[in-house]
Amino acid sequence: VISSKHRLGVDFLCRKSGLTGREAL
């Protein structure tokens, strides 16, 4: 679900964390 980036807050948190273009671990 995190990797799908469907939740705006989690998506932007991933972007700030450098998690773009791949699934989360």
PDBML (XML) file of the C-alpha atoms, coordinates in Angstrom:
<?xml version="1.0" encoding="UTF-8" ?>
<PDBx:datablock datablockName="MODEL"
   xmlns:PDBx="http://pdbml.pdb.org/schema/pdbx-v50.xsd"
   xmlns:xsi="http://www.w3.org/2001/XMLSchema-instance"
   xsi:schemaLocation="http://pdbml.pdb.org/schema/pdbx-v50.xsd pdbx-v50.xsd">
   <PDBx:atom_siteCategory>
      <PDBx:atom_site id="1">
         <PDBx:B_iso_or_equiv>0.00</PDBx:B_iso_or_equiv>
         <PDBx:Cartn_x>0.000</PDBx:Cartn_x>
         <PDBx:Cartn_y>0.000</PDBx:Cartn_y>
         <PDBx:Cartn_z>0.000</PDBx:Cartn_z>
         <PDBx:auth_asym_id>A</PDBx:auth_asym_id>
         <PDBx:auth_atom_id>CA</PDBx:auth_atom_id>
         <PDBx:auth_comp_id>VAL</PDBx:auth_comp_id>
         <PDBx:auth_seq_id>1</PDBx:auth_seq_id>
         <PDBx:group_PDB>ATOM</PDBx:group_PDB>
         <PDBx:label_alt_id xsi:nil="true" />
         <PDBx:label_asym_id>A</PDBx:label_asym_id>
         <PDBx:label_atom_id>CA</PDBx:label_atom_id>
         <PDBx:label_comp_id>VAL</PDBx:label_comp_id>
         <PDBx:label_entity_id>1</PDBx:label_entity_id>
         <PDBx:label_seq_id>1</PDBx:label_seq_id>
         <PDBx:occupancy>1.00</PDBx:occupancy>
         <PDBx:pdbx_PDB_model_num>1</PDBx:pdbx_PDB_model_num>
         <PDBx:type_symbol>C</PDBx:type_symbol>
      </PDBx:atom_site>
      <PDBx:atom_site id="2">
         <PDBx:B_iso_or_equiv>0.00</PDBx:B_iso_or_equiv>
         <PDBx:Cartn_x>2.856</PDBx:Cartn_x>
         <PDBx:Cartn_y>2.404</PDBx:Cartn_y>
         <PDBx:Cartn_z>0.834</PDBx:Cartn_z>
         <PDBx:auth_asym_id>A</PDBx:auth_asym_id>
         <PDBx:auth_atom_id>CA</PDBx:auth_atom_id>
         <PDBx:auth_comp_id>ILE</PDBx:auth_comp_id>
         <PDBx:auth_seq_id>2</PDBx:auth_seq_id>
         <PDBx:group_PDB>ATOM</PDBx:group_PDB>
         <PDBx:label_alt_id xsi:nil="true" />
         <PDBx:label_asym_id>A</PDBx:label_asym_id>
         <PDBx:label_atom_id>CA</PDBx:label_atom_id>
         <PDBx:label_comp_id>ILE</PDBx:label_comp_id>
         <PDBx:label_entity_id>1</PDBx:label_entity_id>
         <PDBx:label_seq_id>2</PDBx:label_seq_id>
         <PDBx:occupancy>1.00</PDBx:occupancy>
         <PDBx:pdbx_PDB_model_num>1</PDBx:pdbx_PDB_model_num>
         <PDBx:type_symbol>C</PDBx:type_symbol>
      </PDBx:atom_site>
      <PDBx:atom_site id="3">
         <PDBx:B_iso_or_equiv>0.00</PDBx:B_iso_or_equiv>
         <PDBx:Cartn_x>4.476</PDBx:Cartn_x>
         <PDBx:Cartn_y>1.611</PDBx:Cartn_y>
         <PDBx:Cartn_z>-2.526</PDBx:Cartn_z>
         <PDBx:auth_asym_id>A</PDBx:auth_asym_id>
         <PDBx:auth_atom_id>CA</PDBx:auth_atom_id>
         <PDBx:auth_comp_id>SER</PDBx:auth_comp_id>
         <PDBx:auth_seq_id>3</PDBx:auth_seq_id>
         <PDBx:group_PDB>ATOM</PDBx:group_PDB>
         <PDBx:label_alt_id xsi:nil="true" />
         <PDBx:label_asym_id>A</PDBx:label_asym_id>
         <PDBx:label_atom_id>CA</PDBx:label_atom_id>
         <PDBx:label_comp_id>SER</PDBx:label_comp_id>
         <PDBx:label_entity_id>1</PDBx:label_entity_id>
         <PDBx:label_seq_id>3</PDBx:label_seq_id>
         <PDBx:occupancy>1.00</PDBx:occupancy>
         <PDBx:pdbx_PDB_model_num>1</PDBx:pdbx_PDB_model_num>
         <PDBx:type_symbol>C</PDBx:type_symbol>
      </PDBx:atom_site>
      <PDBx:atom_site id="4">
         <PDBx:B_iso_or_equiv>0.00</PDBx:B_iso_or_equiv>
         <PDBx:Cartn_x>1.236</PDBx:Cartn_x>
         <PDBx:Cartn_y>2.389</PDBx:Cartn_y>
         <PDBx:Cartn_z>-4.367</PDBx:Cartn_z>
         <PDBx:auth_asym_id>A</PDBx:auth_asym_id>
         <PDBx:auth_atom_id>CA</PDBx:auth_atom_id>
         <PDBx:auth_comp_id>SER</PDBx:auth_comp_id>
         <PDBx:auth_seq_id>4</PDBx:auth_seq_id>
         <PDBx:group_PDB>ATOM</PDBx:group_PDB>
         <PDBx:label_alt_id xsi:nil="true" />
         <PDBx:label_asym_id>A</PDBx:label_asym_id>
         <PDBx:label_atom_id>CA</PDBx:label_atom_id>
         <PDBx:label_comp_id>SER</PDBx:label_comp_id>
         <PDBx:label_entity_id>1</PDBx:label_entity_id>
         <PDBx:label_seq_id>4</PDBx:label_seq_id>
         <PDBx:occupancy>1.00</PDBx:occupancy>
         <PDBx:pdbx_PDB_model_num>1</PDBx:pdbx_PDB_model_num>
         <PDBx:type_symbol>C</PDBx:type_symbol>
      </PDBx:atom_site>
      <PDBx:atom_site id="5">
         <PDBx:B_iso_or_equiv>0.00</PDBx:B_iso_or_equiv>
         <PDBx:Cartn_x>1.517</PDBx:Cartn_x>
         <PDBx:Cartn_y>6.018</PDBx:Cartn_y>
         <PDBx:Cartn_z>-3.107</PDBx:Cartn_z>
         <PDBx:auth_asym_id>A</PDBx:auth_asym_id>
         <PDBx:auth_atom_id>CA</PDBx:auth_atom_id>
         <PDBx:auth_comp_id>LYS</PDBx:auth_comp_id>
         <PDBx:auth_seq_id>5</PDBx:auth_seq_id>
         <PDBx:group_PDB>ATOM</PDBx:group_PDB>
         <PDBx:label_alt_id xsi:nil="true" />
         <PDBx:label_asym_id>A</PDBx:label_asym_id>
         <PDBx:label_atom_id>CA</PDBx:label_atom_id>
         <PDBx:label_comp_id>LYS</PDBx:label_comp_id>
         <PDBx:label_entity_id>1</PDBx:label_entity_id>
         <PDBx:label_seq_id>5</PDBx:label_seq_id>
         <PDBx:occupancy>1.00</PDBx:occupancy>
         <PDBx:pdbx_PDB_model_num>1</PDBx:pdbx_PDB_model_num>
         <PDBx:type_symbol>C</PDBx:type_symbol>
      </PDBx:atom_site>
      <PDBx:atom_site id="6">
         <PDBx:B_iso_or_equiv>0.00</PDBx:B_iso_or_equiv>
         <PDBx:Cartn_x>-2.259</PDBx:Cartn_x>
         <PDBx:Cartn_y>6.265</PDBx:Cartn_y>
         <PDBx:Cartn_z>-2.953</PDBx:Cartn_z>
         <PDBx:auth_asym_id>A</PDBx:auth_asym_id>
         <PDBx:auth_atom_id>CA</PDBx:auth_atom_id>
         <PDBx:auth_comp_id>HIS</PDBx:auth_comp_id>
         <PDBx:auth_seq_id>6</PDBx:auth_seq_id>
         <PDBx:group_PDB>ATOM</PDBx:group_PDB>
         <PDBx:label_alt_id xsi:nil="true" />
         <PDBx:label_asym_id>A</PDBx:label_asym_id>
         <PDBx:label_atom_id>CA</PDBx:label_atom_id>
         <PDBx:label_comp_id>HIS</PDBx:label_comp_id>
         <PDBx:label_entity_id>1</PDBx:label_entity_id>
         <PDBx:label_seq_id>6</PDBx:label_seq_id>
         <PDBx:occupancy>1.00</PDBx:occupancy>
         <PDBx:pdbx_PDB_model_num>1</PDBx:pdbx_PDB_model_num>
         <PDBx:type_symbol>C</PDBx:type_symbol>
      </PDBx:atom_site>
      <PDBx:atom_site id="7">
         <PDBx:B_iso_or_equiv>0.00</PDBx:B_iso_or_equiv>
         <PDBx:Cartn_x>-2.212</PDBx:Cartn_x>
         <PDBx:Cartn_y>8.347</PDBx:Cartn_y>
         <PDBx:Cartn_z>0.242</PDBx:Cartn_z>
         <PDBx:auth_asym_id>A</PDBx:auth_asym_id>
         <PDBx:auth_atom_id>CA</PDBx:auth_atom_id>
         <PDBx:auth_comp_id>ARG</PDBx:auth_comp_id>
         <PDBx:auth_seq_id>7</PDBx:auth_seq_id>
         <PDBx:group_PDB>ATOM</PDBx:group_PDB>
         <PDBx:label_alt_id xsi:nil="true" />
         <PDBx:label_asym_id>A</PDBx:label_asym_id>
         <PDBx:label_atom_id>CA</PDBx:label_atom_id>
         <PDBx:label_comp_id>ARG</PDBx:label_comp_id>
         <PDBx:label_entity_id>1</PDBx:label_entity_id>
         <PDBx:label_seq_id>7</PDBx:label_seq_id>
         <PDBx:occupancy>1.00</PDBx:occupancy>
         <PDBx:pdbx_PDB_model_num>1</PDBx:pdbx_PDB_model_num>
         <PDBx:type_symbol>C</PDBx:type_symbol>
      </PDBx:atom_site>
      <PDBx:atom_site id="8">
         <PDBx:B_iso_or_equiv>0.00</PDBx:B_iso_or_equiv>
         <PDBx:Cartn_x>-1.068</PDBx:Cartn_x>
         <PDBx:Cartn_y>11.905</PDBx:Cartn_y>
         <PDBx:Cartn_z>-0.318</PDBx:Cartn_z>
         <PDBx:auth_asym_id>A</PDBx:auth_asym_id>
         <PDBx:auth_atom_id>CA</PDBx:auth_atom_id>
         <PDBx:auth_comp_id>LEU</PDBx:auth_comp_id>
         <PDBx:auth_seq_id>8</PDBx:auth_seq_id>
         <PDBx:group_PDB>ATOM</PDBx:group_PDB>
         <PDBx:label_alt_id xsi:nil="true" />
         <PDBx:label_asym_id>A</PDBx:label_asym_id>
         <PDBx:label_atom_id>CA</PDBx:label_atom_id>
         <PDBx:label_comp_id>LEU</PDBx:label_comp_id>
         <PDBx:label_entity_id>1</PDBx:label_entity_id>
         <PDBx:label_seq_id>8</PDBx:label_seq_id>
         <PDBx:occupancy>1.00</PDBx:occupancy>
         <PDBx:pdbx_PDB_model_num>1</PDBx:pdbx_PDB_model_num>
         <PDBx:type_symbol>C</PDBx:type_symbol>
      </PDBx:atom_site>
      <PDBx:atom_site id="9">
         <PDBx:B_iso_or_equiv>0.00</PDBx:B_iso_or_equiv>
         <PDBx:Cartn_x>0.681</PDBx:Cartn_x>
         <PDBx:Cartn_y>12.291</PDBx:Cartn_y>
         <PDBx:Cartn_z>3.021</PDBx:Cartn_z>
         <PDBx:auth_asym_id>A</PDBx:auth_asym_id>
         <PDBx:auth_atom_id>CA</PDBx:auth_atom_id>
         <PDBx:auth_comp_id>GLY</PDBx:auth_comp_id>
         <PDBx:auth_seq_id>9</PDBx:auth_seq_id>
         <PDBx:group_PDB>ATOM</PDBx:group_PDB>
         <PDBx:label_alt_id xsi:nil="true" />
         <PDBx:label_asym_id>A</PDBx:label_asym_id>
         <PDBx:label_atom_id>CA</PDBx:label_atom_id>
         <PDBx:label_comp_id>GLY</PDBx:label_comp_id>
         <PDBx:label_entity_id>1</PDBx:label_entity_id>
         <PDBx:label_seq_id>9</PDBx:label_seq_id>
         <PDBx:occupancy>1.00</PDBx:occupancy>
         <PDBx:pdbx_PDB_model_num>1</PDBx:pdbx_PDB_model_num>
         <PDBx:type_symbol>C</PDBx:type_symbol>
      </PDBx:atom_site>
      <PDBx:atom_site id="10">
         <PDBx:B_iso_or_equiv>0.00</PDBx:B_iso_or_equiv>
         <PDBx:Cartn_x>2.617</PDBx:Cartn_x>
         <PDBx:Cartn_y>9.055</PDBx:Cartn_y>
         <PDBx:Cartn_z>2.653</PDBx:Cartn_z>
         <PDBx:auth_asym_id>A</PDBx:auth_asym_id>
         <PDBx:auth_atom_id>CA</PDBx:auth_atom_id>
         <PDBx:auth_comp_id>VAL</PDBx:auth_comp_id>
         <PDBx:auth_seq_id>10</PDBx:auth_seq_id>
         <PDBx:group_PDB>ATOM</PDBx:group_PDB>
         <PDBx:label_alt_id xsi:nil="true" />
         <PDBx:label_asym_id>A</PDBx:label_asym_id>
         <PDBx:label_atom_id>CA</PDBx:label_atom_id>
         <PDBx:label_comp_id>VAL</PDBx:label_comp_id>
         <PDBx:label_entity_id>1</PDBx:label_entity_id>
         <PDBx:label_seq_id>10</PDBx:label_seq_id>
         <PDBx:occupancy>1.00</PDBx:occupancy>
         <PDBx:pdbx_PDB_model_num>1</PDBx:pdbx_PDB_model_num>
         <PDBx:type_symbol>C</PDBx:type_symbol>
      </PDBx:atom_site>
      <PDBx:atom_site id="11">
         <PDBx:B_iso_or_equiv>0.00</PDBx:B_iso_or_equiv>
         <PDBx:Cartn_x>3.484</PDBx:Cartn_x>
         <PDBx:Cartn_y>9.921</PDBx:Cartn_y>
         <PDBx:Cartn_z>-0.943</PDBx:Cartn_z>
         <PDBx:auth_asym_id>A</PDBx:auth_asym_id>
         <PDBx:auth_atom_id>CA</PDBx:auth_atom_id>
         <PDBx:auth_comp_id>ASP</PDBx:auth_comp_id>
         <PDBx:auth_seq_id>11</PDBx:auth_seq_id>
         <PDBx:group_PDB>ATOM</PDBx:group_PDB>
         <PDBx:label_alt_id xsi:nil="true" />
         <PDBx:label_asym_id>A</PDBx:label_asym_id>
         <PDBx:label_atom_id>CA</PDBx:label_atom_id>
         <PDBx:label_comp_id>ASP</PDBx:label_comp_id>
         <PDBx:label_entity_id>1</PDBx:label_entity_id>
         <PDBx:label_seq_id>11</PDBx:label_seq_id>
         <PDBx:occupancy>1.00</PDBx:occupancy>
         <PDBx:pdbx_PDB_model_num>1</PDBx:pdbx_PDB_model_num>
         <PDBx:type_symbol>C</PDBx:type_symbol>
      </PDBx:atom_site>
      <PDBx:atom_site id="12">
         <PDBx:B_iso_or_equiv>0.00</PDBx:B_iso_or_equiv>
         <PDBx:Cartn_x>5.032</PDBx:Cartn_x>
         <PDBx:Cartn_y>13.265</PDBx:Cartn_y>
         <PDBx:Cartn_z>-0.025</PDBx:Cartn_z>
         <PDBx:auth_asym_id>A</PDBx:auth_asym_id>
         <PDBx:auth_atom_id>CA</PDBx:auth_atom_id>
         <PDBx:auth_comp_id>PHE</PDBx:auth_comp_id>
         <PDBx:auth_seq_id>12</PDBx:auth_seq_id>
         <PDBx:group_PDB>ATOM</PDBx:group_PDB>
         <PDBx:label_alt_id xsi:nil="true" />
         <PDBx:label_asym_id>A</PDBx:label_asym_id>
         <PDBx:label_atom_id>CA</PDBx:label_atom_id>
         <PDBx:label_comp_id>PHE</PDBx:label_comp_id>
         <PDBx:label_entity_id>1</PDBx:label_entity_id>
         <PDBx:label_seq_id>12</PDBx:label_seq_id>
         <PDBx:occupancy>1.00</PDBx:occupancy>
         <PDBx:pdbx_PDB_model_num>1</PDBx:pdbx_PDB_model_num>
         <PDBx:type_symbol>C</PDBx:type_symbol>
      </PDBx:atom_site>
      <PDBx:atom_site id="13">
         <PDBx:B_iso_or_equiv>0.00</PDBx:B_iso_or_equiv>
         <PDBx:Cartn_x>6.770</PDBx:Cartn_x>
         <PDBx:Cartn_y>11.704</PDBx:Cartn_y>
         <PDBx:Cartn_z>2.978</PDBx:Cartn_z>
         <PDBx:auth_asym_id>A</PDBx:auth_asym_id>
         <PDBx:auth_atom_id>CA</PDBx:auth_atom_id>
         <PDBx:auth_comp_id>LEU</PDBx:auth_comp_id>
         <PDBx:auth_seq_id>13</PDBx:auth_seq_id>
         <PDBx:group_PDB>ATOM</PDBx:group_PDB>
         <PDBx:label_alt_id xsi:nil="true" />
         <PDBx:label_asym_id>A</PDBx:label_asym_id>
         <PDBx:label_atom_id>CA</PDBx:label_atom_id>
         <PDBx:label_comp_id>LEU</PDBx:label_comp_id>
         <PDBx:label_entity_id>1</PDBx:label_entity_id>
         <PDBx:label_seq_id>13</PDBx:label_seq_id>
         <PDBx:occupancy>1.00</PDBx:occupancy>
         <PDBx:pdbx_PDB_model_num>1</PDBx:pdbx_PDB_model_num>
         <PDBx:type_symbol>C</PDBx:type_symbol>
      </PDBx:atom_site>
      <PDBx:atom_site id="14">
         <PDBx:B_iso_or_equiv>0.00</PDBx:B_iso_or_equiv>
         <PDBx:Cartn_x>8.324</PDBx:Cartn_x>
         <PDBx:Cartn_y>9.167</PDBx:Cartn_y>
         <PDBx:Cartn_z>0.595</PDBx:Cartn_z>
         <PDBx:auth_asym_id>A</PDBx:auth_asym_id>
         <PDBx:auth_atom_id>CA</PDBx:auth_atom_id>
         <PDBx:auth_comp_id>CYS</PDBx:auth_comp_id>
         <PDBx:auth_seq_id>14</PDBx:auth_seq_id>
         <PDBx:group_PDB>ATOM</PDBx:group_PDB>
         <PDBx:label_alt_id xsi:nil="true" />
         <PDBx:label_asym_id>A</PDBx:label_asym_id>
         <PDBx:label_atom_id>CA</PDBx:label_atom_id>
         <PDBx:label_comp_id>CYS</PDBx:label_comp_id>
         <PDBx:label_entity_id>1</PDBx:label_entity_id>
         <PDBx:label_seq_id>14</PDBx:label_seq_id>
         <PDBx:occupancy>1.00</PDBx:occupancy>
         <PDBx:pdbx_PDB_model_num>1</PDBx:pdbx_PDB_model_num>
         <PDBx:type_symbol>C</PDBx:type_symbol>
      </PDBx:atom_site>
      <PDBx:atom_site id="15">
         <PDBx:B_iso_or_equiv>0.00</PDBx:B_iso_or_equiv>
         <PDBx:Cartn_x>9.426</PDBx:Cartn_x>
         <PDBx:Cartn_y>11.956</PDBx:Cartn_y>
         <PDBx:Cartn_z>-1.728</PDBx:Cartn_z>
         <PDBx:auth_asym_id>A</PDBx:auth_asym_id>
         <PDBx:auth_atom_id>CA</PDBx:auth_atom_id>
         <PDBx:auth_comp_id>ARG</PDBx:auth_comp_id>
         <PDBx:auth_seq_id>15</PDBx:auth_seq_id>
         <PDBx:group_PDB>ATOM</PDBx:group_PDB>
         <PDBx:label_alt_id xsi:nil="true" />
         <PDBx:label_asym_id>A</PDBx:label_asym_id>
         <PDBx:label_atom_id>CA</PDBx:label_atom_id>
         <PDBx:label_comp_id>ARG</PDBx:label_comp_id>
         <PDBx:label_entity_id>1</PDBx:label_entity_id>
         <PDBx:label_seq_id>15</PDBx:label_seq_id>
         <PDBx:occupancy>1.00</PDBx:occupancy>
         <PDBx:pdbx_PDB_model_num>1</PDBx:pdbx_PDB_model_num>
         <PDBx:type_symbol>C</PDBx:type_symbol>
      </PDBx:atom_site>
      <PDBx:atom_site id="16">
         <PDBx:B_iso_or_equiv>0.00</PDBx:B_iso_or_equiv>
         <PDBx:Cartn_x>11.151</PDBx:Cartn_x>
         <PDBx:Cartn_y>13.791</PDBx:Cartn_y>
         <PDBx:Cartn_z>1.115</PDBx:Cartn_z>
         <PDBx:auth_asym_id>A</PDBx:auth_asym_id>
         <PDBx:auth_atom_id>CA</PDBx:auth_atom_id>
         <PDBx:auth_comp_id>LYS</PDBx:auth_comp_id>
         <PDBx:auth_seq_id>16</PDBx:auth_seq_id>
         <PDBx:group_PDB>ATOM</PDBx:group_PDB>
         <PDBx:label_alt_id xsi:nil="true" />
         <PDBx:label_asym_id>A</PDBx:label_asym_id>
         <PDBx:label_atom_id>CA</PDBx:label_atom_id>
         <PDBx:label_comp_id>LYS</PDBx:label_comp_id>
         <PDBx:label_entity_id>1</PDBx:label_entity_id>
         <PDBx:label_seq_id>16</PDBx:label_seq_id>
         <PDBx:occupancy>1.00</PDBx:occupancy>
         <PDBx:pdbx_PDB_model_num>1</PDBx:pdbx_PDB_model_num>
         <PDBx:type_symbol>C</PDBx:type_symbol>
      </PDBx:atom_site>
      <PDBx:atom_site id="17">
         <PDBx:B_iso_or_equiv>0.00</PDBx:B_iso_or_equiv>
         <PDBx:Cartn_x>12.802</PDBx:Cartn_x>
         <PDBx:Cartn_y>10.507</PDBx:Cartn_y>
         <PDBx:Cartn_z>2.071</PDBx:Cartn_z>
         <PDBx:auth_asym_id>A</PDBx:auth_asym_id>
         <PDBx:auth_atom_id>CA</PDBx:auth_atom_id>
         <PDBx:auth_comp_id>SER</PDBx:auth_comp_id>
         <PDBx:auth_seq_id>17</PDBx:auth_seq_id>
         <PDBx:group_PDB>ATOM</PDBx:group_PDB>
         <PDBx:label_alt_id xsi:nil="true" />
         <PDBx:label_asym_id>A</PDBx:label_asym_id>
         <PDBx:label_atom_id>CA</PDBx:label_atom_id>
         <PDBx:label_comp_id>SER</PDBx:label_comp_id>
         <PDBx:label_entity_id>1</PDBx:label_entity_id>
         <PDBx:label_seq_id>17</PDBx:label_seq_id>
         <PDBx:occupancy>1.00</PDBx:occupancy>
         <PDBx:pdbx_PDB_model_num>1</PDBx:pdbx_PDB_model_num>
         <PDBx:type_symbol>C</PDBx:type_symbol>
      </PDBx:atom_site>
      <PDBx:atom_site id="18">
         <PDBx:B_iso_or_equiv>0.00</PDBx:B_iso_or_equiv>
         <PDBx:Cartn_x>14.147</PDBx:Cartn_x>
         <PDBx:Cartn_y>9.856</PDBx:Cartn_y>
         <PDBx:Cartn_z>-1.412</PDBx:Cartn_z>
         <PDBx:auth_asym_id>A</PDBx:auth_asym_id>
         <PDBx:auth_atom_id>CA</PDBx:auth_atom_id>
         <PDBx:auth_comp_id>GLY</PDBx:auth_comp_id>
         <PDBx:auth_seq_id>18</PDBx:auth_seq_id>
         <PDBx:group_PDB>ATOM</PDBx:group_PDB>
         <PDBx:label_alt_id xsi:nil="true" />
         <PDBx:label_asym_id>A</PDBx:label_asym_id>
         <PDBx:label_atom_id>CA</PDBx:label_atom_id>
         <PDBx:label_comp_id>GLY</PDBx:label_comp_id>
         <PDBx:label_entity_id>1</PDBx:label_entity_id>
         <PDBx:label_seq_id>18</PDBx:label_seq_id>
         <PDBx:occupancy>1.00</PDBx:occupancy>
         <PDBx:pdbx_PDB_model_num>1</PDBx:pdbx_PDB_model_num>
         <PDBx:type_symbol>C</PDBx:type_symbol>
      </PDBx:atom_site>
      <PDBx:atom_site id="19">
         <PDBx:B_iso_or_equiv>0.00</PDBx:B_iso_or_equiv>
         <PDBx:Cartn_x>11.763</PDBx:Cartn_x>
         <PDBx:Cartn_y>6.954</PDBx:Cartn_y>
         <PDBx:Cartn_z>-2.033</PDBx:Cartn_z>
         <PDBx:auth_asym_id>A</PDBx:auth_asym_id>
         <PDBx:auth_atom_id>CA</PDBx:auth_atom_id>
         <PDBx:auth_comp_id>LEU</PDBx:auth_comp_id>
         <PDBx:auth_seq_id>19</PDBx:auth_seq_id>
         <PDBx:group_PDB>ATOM</PDBx:group_PDB>
         <PDBx:label_alt_id xsi:nil="true" />
         <PDBx:label_asym_id>A</PDBx:label_asym_id>
         <PDBx:label_atom_id>CA</PDBx:label_atom_id>
         <PDBx:label_comp_id>LEU</PDBx:label_comp_id>
         <PDBx:label_entity_id>1</PDBx:label_entity_id>
         <PDBx:label_seq_id>19</PDBx:label_seq_id>
         <PDBx:occupancy>1.00</PDBx:occupancy>
         <PDBx:pdbx_PDB_model_num>1</PDBx:pdbx_PDB_model_num>
         <PDBx:type_symbol>C</PDBx:type_symbol>
      </PDBx:atom_site>
      <PDBx:atom_site id="20">
         <PDBx:B_iso_or_equiv>0.00</PDBx:B_iso_or_equiv>
         <PDBx:Cartn_x>10.686</PDBx:Cartn_x>
         <PDBx:Cartn_y>7.562</PDBx:Cartn_y>
         <PDBx:Cartn_z>-5.612</PDBx:Cartn_z>
         <PDBx:auth_asym_id>A</PDBx:auth_asym_id>
         <PDBx:auth_atom_id>CA</PDBx:auth_atom_id>
         <PDBx:auth_comp_id>THR</PDBx:auth_comp_id>
         <PDBx:auth_seq_id>20</PDBx:auth_seq_id>
         <PDBx:group_PDB>ATOM</PDBx:group_PDB>
         <PDBx:label_alt_id xsi:nil="true" />
         <PDBx:label_asym_id>A</PDBx:label_asym_id>
         <PDBx:label_atom_id>CA</PDBx:label_atom_id>
         <PDBx:label_comp_id>THR</PDBx:label_comp_id>
         <PDBx:label_entity_id>1</PDBx:label_entity_id>
         <PDBx:label_seq_id>20</PDBx:label_seq_id>
         <PDBx:occupancy>1.00</PDBx:occupancy>
         <PDBx:pdbx_PDB_model_num>1</PDBx:pdbx_PDB_model_num>
         <PDBx:type_symbol>C</PDBx:type_symbol>
      </PDBx:atom_site>
      <PDBx:atom_site id="21">
         <PDBx:B_iso_or_equiv>0.00</PDBx:B_iso_or_equiv>
         <PDBx:Cartn_x>10.519</PDBx:Cartn_x>
         <PDBx:Cartn_y>5.180</PDBx:Cartn_y>
         <PDBx:Cartn_z>-8.509</PDBx:Cartn_z>
         <PDBx:auth_asym_id>A</PDBx:auth_asym_id>
         <PDBx:auth_atom_id>CA</PDBx:auth_atom_id>
         <PDBx:auth_comp_id>GLY</PDBx:auth_comp_id>
         <PDBx:auth_seq_id>21</PDBx:auth_seq_id>
         <PDBx:group_PDB>ATOM</PDBx:group_PDB>
         <PDBx:label_alt_id xsi:nil="true" />
         <PDBx:label_asym_id>A</PDBx:label_asym_id>
         <PDBx:label_atom_id>CA</PDBx:label_atom_id>
         <PDBx:label_comp_id>GLY</PDBx:label_comp_id>
         <PDBx:label_entity_id>1</PDBx:label_entity_id>
         <PDBx:label_seq_id>21</PDBx:label_seq_id>
         <PDBx:occupancy>1.00</PDBx:occupancy>
         <PDBx:pdbx_PDB_model_num>1</PDBx:pdbx_PDB_model_num>
         <PDBx:type_symbol>C</PDBx:type_symbol>
      </PDBx:atom_site>
      <PDBx:atom_site id="22">
         <PDBx:B_iso_or_equiv>0.00</PDBx:B_iso_or_equiv>
         <PDBx:Cartn_x>10.650</PDBx:Cartn_x>
         <PDBx:Cartn_y>2.008</PDBx:Cartn_y>
         <PDBx:Cartn_z>-6.424</PDBx:Cartn_z>
         <PDBx:auth_asym_id>A</PDBx:auth_asym_id>
         <PDBx:auth_atom_id>CA</PDBx:auth_atom_id>
         <PDBx:auth_comp_id>ARG</PDBx:auth_comp_id>
         <PDBx:auth_seq_id>22</PDBx:auth_seq_id>
         <PDBx:group_PDB>ATOM</PDBx:group_PDB>
         <PDBx:label_alt_id xsi:nil="true" />
         <PDBx:label_asym_id>A</PDBx:label_asym_id>
         <PDBx:label_atom_id>CA</PDBx:label_atom_id>
         <PDBx:label_comp_id>ARG</PDBx:label_comp_id>
         <PDBx:label_entity_id>1</PDBx:label_entity_id>
         <PDBx:label_seq_id>22</PDBx:label_seq_id>
         <PDBx:occupancy>1.00</PDBx:occupancy>
         <PDBx:pdbx_PDB_model_num>1</PDBx:pdbx_PDB_model_num>
         <PDBx:type_symbol>C</PDBx:type_symbol>
      </PDBx:atom_site>
      <PDBx:atom_site id="23">
         <PDBx:B_iso_or_equiv>0.00</PDBx:B_iso_or_equiv>
         <PDBx:Cartn_x>8.732</PDBx:Cartn_x>
         <PDBx:Cartn_y>-0.001</PDBx:Cartn_y>
         <PDBx:Cartn_z>-3.847</PDBx:Cartn_z>
         <PDBx:auth_asym_id>A</PDBx:auth_asym_id>
         <PDBx:auth_atom_id>CA</PDBx:auth_atom_id>
         <PDBx:auth_comp_id>GLU</PDBx:auth_comp_id>
         <PDBx:auth_seq_id>23</PDBx:auth_seq_id>
         <PDBx:group_PDB>ATOM</PDBx:group_PDB>
         <PDBx:label_alt_id xsi:nil="true" />
         <PDBx:label_asym_id>A</PDBx:label_asym_id>
         <PDBx:label_atom_id>CA</PDBx:label_atom_id>
         <PDBx:label_comp_id>GLU</PDBx:label_comp_id>
         <PDBx:label_entity_id>1</PDBx:label_entity_id>
         <PDBx:label_seq_id>23</PDBx:label_seq_id>
         <PDBx:occupancy>1.00</PDBx:occupancy>
         <PDBx:pdbx_PDB_model_num>1</PDBx:pdbx_PDB_model_num>
         <PDBx:type_symbol>C</PDBx:type_symbol>
      </PDBx:atom_site>
      <PDBx:atom_site id="24">
         <PDBx:B_iso_or_equiv>0.00</PDBx:B_iso_or_equiv>
         <PDBx:Cartn_x>9.154</PDBx:Cartn_x>
         <PDBx:Cartn_y>0.620</PDBx:Cartn_y>
         <PDBx:Cartn_z>-0.139</PDBx:Cartn_z>
         <PDBx:auth_asym_id>A</PDBx:auth_asym_id>
         <PDBx:auth_atom_id>CA</PDBx:auth_atom_id>
         <PDBx:auth_comp_id>ALA</PDBx:auth_comp_id>
         <PDBx:auth_seq_id>24</PDBx:auth_seq_id>
         <PDBx:group_PDB>ATOM</PDBx:group_PDB>
         <PDBx:label_alt_id xsi:nil="true" />
         <PDBx:label_asym_id>A</PDBx:label_asym_id>
         <PDBx:label_atom_id>CA</PDBx:label_atom_id>
         <PDBx:label_comp_id>ALA</PDBx:label_comp_id>
         <PDBx:label_entity_id>1</PDBx:label_entity_id>
         <PDBx:label_seq_id>24</PDBx:label_seq_id>
         <PDBx:occupancy>1.00</PDBx:occupancy>
         <PDBx:pdbx_PDB_model_num>1</PDBx:pdbx_PDB_model_num>
         <PDBx:type_symbol>C</PDBx:type_symbol>
      </PDBx:atom_site>
      <PDBx:atom_site id="25">
         <PDBx:B_iso_or_equiv>0.00</PDBx:B_iso_or_equiv>
         <PDBx:Cartn_x>10.954</PDBx:Cartn_x>
         <PDBx:Cartn_y>-1.842</PDBx:Cartn_y>
         <PDBx:Cartn_z>2.132</PDBx:Cartn_z>
         <PDBx:auth_asym_id>A</PDBx:auth_asym_id>
         <PDBx:auth_atom_id>CA</PDBx:auth_atom_id>
         <PDBx:auth_comp_id>LEU</PDBx:auth_comp_id>
         <PDBx:auth_seq_id>25</PDBx:auth_seq_id>
         <PDBx:group_PDB>ATOM</PDBx:group_PDB>
         <PDBx:label_alt_id xsi:nil="true" />
         <PDBx:label_asym_id>A</PDBx:label_asym_id>
         <PDBx:label_atom_id>CA</PDBx:label_atom_id>
         <PDBx:label_comp_id>LEU</PDBx:label_comp_id>
         <PDBx:label_entity_id>1</PDBx:label_entity_id>
         <PDBx:label_seq_id>25</PDBx:label_seq_id>
         <PDBx:occupancy>1.00</PDBx:occupancy>
         <PDBx:pdbx_PDB_model_num>1</PDBx:pdbx_PDB_model_num>
         <PDBx:type_symbol>C</PDBx:type_symbol>
      </PDBx:atom_site>
   </PDBx:atom_siteCategory>
</PDBx:datablock>
